[in-house]
Protein backbone atom coordinates (compact mmCIF):
# COMPACT_ATOMS: atom_id res chain seq x y z
CA GLN A 1 -134.21 100.13 -79.79
CA VAL A 2 -130.96 102.02 -79.73
CA GLN A 3 -127.47 100.59 -79.98
CA LEU A 4 -124.54 102.28 -78.32
CA VAL A 5 -120.89 101.99 -79.28
CA GLU A 6 -118.15 103.42 -77.13
CA SER A 7 -114.61 104.38 -77.97
CA GLY A 8 -111.68 105.86 -76.12
CA GLY A 9 -110.34 104.91 -72.74
CA GLY A 10 -106.91 103.55 -72.00
CA SER A 11 -104.22 103.98 -69.39
CA VAL A 12 -102.98 107.23 -67.93
CA GLN A 13 -101.04 108.44 -64.91
CA ALA A 14 -102.76 110.22 -62.06
CA GLY A 15 -103.52 113.82 -62.97
CA GLY A 16 -103.91 113.00 -66.64
CA SER A 17 -106.91 113.21 -68.94
CA LEU A 18 -108.91 110.87 -71.14
CA ARG A 19 -111.99 111.22 -73.28
CA LEU A 20 -114.65 108.63 -73.98
CA SER A 21 -117.05 108.81 -76.90
CA CYS A 22 -120.39 107.10 -77.42
CA VAL A 23 -122.40 107.01 -80.62
CA ALA A 24 -126.08 106.06 -80.65
CA SER A 25 -127.52 104.34 -83.69
CA GLY A 26 -130.55 105.81 -85.40
CA TYR A 27 -131.47 108.62 -83.02
CA MET A 28 -130.24 110.55 -80.02
CA PRO A 29 -131.95 109.34 -76.85
CA THR A 30 -133.41 112.06 -74.63
CA CYS A 31 -131.14 111.22 -71.72
CA MET A 32 -127.70 109.68 -71.93
CA GLY A 33 -125.66 108.56 -68.96
CA TRP A 34 -122.18 107.43 -68.08
CA PHE A 35 -121.59 104.71 -65.50
CA ARG A 36 -118.55 102.88 -64.23
CA GLN A 37 -117.83 99.62 -62.52
CA ALA A 38 -114.63 98.76 -60.69
CA PRO A 39 -113.72 95.14 -59.89
CA GLY A 40 -115.75 93.85 -56.98
CA LYS A 41 -117.96 96.93 -56.88
CA GLU A 42 -121.41 97.78 -58.12
CA ARG A 43 -121.94 99.84 -61.23
CA GLU A 44 -122.32 103.48 -60.26
CA GLY A 45 -123.54 106.56 -62.03
CA VAL A 46 -120.92 109.07 -63.11
CA GLY A 47 -123.09 111.62 -64.85
CA SER A 48 -125.83 112.22 -67.37
CA ILE A 49 -126.94 114.69 -70.00
CA TYR A 50 -130.47 115.61 -70.95
CA THR A 51 -129.90 115.91 -74.65
CA GLY A 52 -133.11 117.82 -75.25
CA GLY A 53 -131.88 120.86 -73.34
CA GLY A 54 -128.23 120.13 -72.63
CA SER A 55 -128.50 119.97 -68.84
CA THR A 56 -125.77 117.90 -67.25
CA TYR A 57 -125.63 116.13 -63.90
CA TYR A 58 -122.67 114.61 -62.08
CA ALA A 59 -121.87 112.37 -59.17
CA SER A 60 -120.15 114.24 -56.36
CA SER A 61 -117.03 112.11 -56.79
CA VAL A 62 -116.37 113.49 -60.28
CA LYS A 63 -117.95 116.95 -60.19
CA GLY A 64 -115.49 119.57 -61.32
CA ARG A 65 -113.24 117.00 -63.00
CA PHE A 66 -115.49 115.28 -65.53
CA THR A 67 -117.55 116.96 -68.25
CA ILE A 68 -120.28 115.45 -70.40
CA SER A 69 -121.05 117.00 -73.77
CA GLN A 70 -123.05 116.12 -76.85
CA ASP A 71 -123.04 116.41 -80.62
CA ASN A 72 -126.64 116.00 -81.71
CA ALA A 73 -125.76 116.07 -85.40
CA LYS A 74 -123.71 112.91 -84.92
CA ASN A 75 -125.82 111.30 -82.17
CA MET A 76 -122.79 111.33 -79.91
CA VAL A 77 -122.03 112.06 -76.29
CA PHE A 78 -118.62 112.48 -74.72
CA LEU A 79 -117.10 112.09 -71.30
CA GLN A 80 -114.07 114.28 -70.77
CA MET A 81 -112.16 113.15 -67.70
CA ASN A 82 -109.54 115.46 -66.22
CA SER A 83 -107.42 115.28 -63.08
CA LEU A 84 -107.85 111.53 -63.05
CA LYS A 85 -107.21 109.60 -59.85
CA PRO A 86 -106.36 105.93 -59.29
CA GLU A 87 -109.83 105.47 -57.80
CA ASP A 88 -111.32 106.41 -61.17
CA THR A 89 -110.02 103.11 -62.55
CA ALA A 90 -113.00 101.13 -63.83
CA MET A 91 -114.88 99.91 -66.87
CA TYR A 92 -116.92 102.84 -68.14
CA TYR A 93 -120.27 102.40 -69.87
CA CYS A 94 -122.49 104.79 -71.74
CA ALA A 95 -126.20 104.21 -71.45
CA ALA A 96 -129.48 105.47 -72.86
CA MET A 97 -132.49 106.04 -70.68
CA ARG A 98 -135.61 103.99 -71.24
CA PRO A 99 -138.09 106.04 -73.32
CA SER A 100 -140.77 105.83 -70.61
CA TYR A 101 -138.45 107.54 -68.12
CA SER A 102 -136.96 110.13 -70.41
CA ASP A 103 -137.46 113.49 -68.78
CA ASP A 104 -135.09 115.87 -67.06
CA VAL A 105 -136.08 114.83 -63.54
CA PHE A 106 -135.30 111.17 -64.15
CA CYS A 107 -132.15 112.12 -66.03
CA SER A 108 -130.84 114.05 -63.02
CA ARG A 109 -131.09 110.95 -60.79
CA ILE A 110 -128.42 109.04 -62.76
CA SER A 111 -130.08 105.84 -61.57
CA ARG A 112 -128.93 102.63 -63.18
CA GLY A 113 -132.41 101.10 -63.27
CA ASP A 114 -133.74 103.95 -65.42
CA PHE A 115 -131.37 103.12 -68.26
CA GLY A 116 -132.27 100.31 -70.62
CA TYR A 117 -129.56 100.37 -73.27
CA TRP A 118 -125.85 99.95 -72.67
CA GLY A 119 -122.60 100.22 -74.57
CA GLN A 120 -119.97 97.52 -74.49
CA GLY A 121 -117.75 99.33 -72.00
CA ALA A 122 -114.34 100.97 -72.18
CA GLN A 123 -111.55 100.34 -69.70
CA VAL A 124 -109.97 103.31 -67.94
CA THR A 125 -106.89 102.64 -65.85
CA VAL A 126 -105.24 105.35 -63.78
CA SER A 127 -101.86 104.61 -62.22
CA SER A 128 -100.37 106.46 -59.27
């Protein structure tokens, strides 16, 4: 099993930037994802990174504004969020893909059901 601990988040005005970090205990999972959940809404995929090759995938709503990166030496992934909008306000979660699903094709789907391990969440609030 892998445990995930997030850090970062906070409050920022529209147009600002924030960075979230996620450290995985023990080993770096093959695919790591970022999800978010706003009040009253379902949890949605933001993006993912196939840590074996570094390929990244993004939801259309954040493409060009958010960037996922990794530091394999530290078992960490990052979510850099630029040009933030009020509609980006949500609790953000990092997640690790289930080992049985861990290939690039599954990683690109950013599908919640494929991820079996979750961080505790970090609140991001964007004011207008």
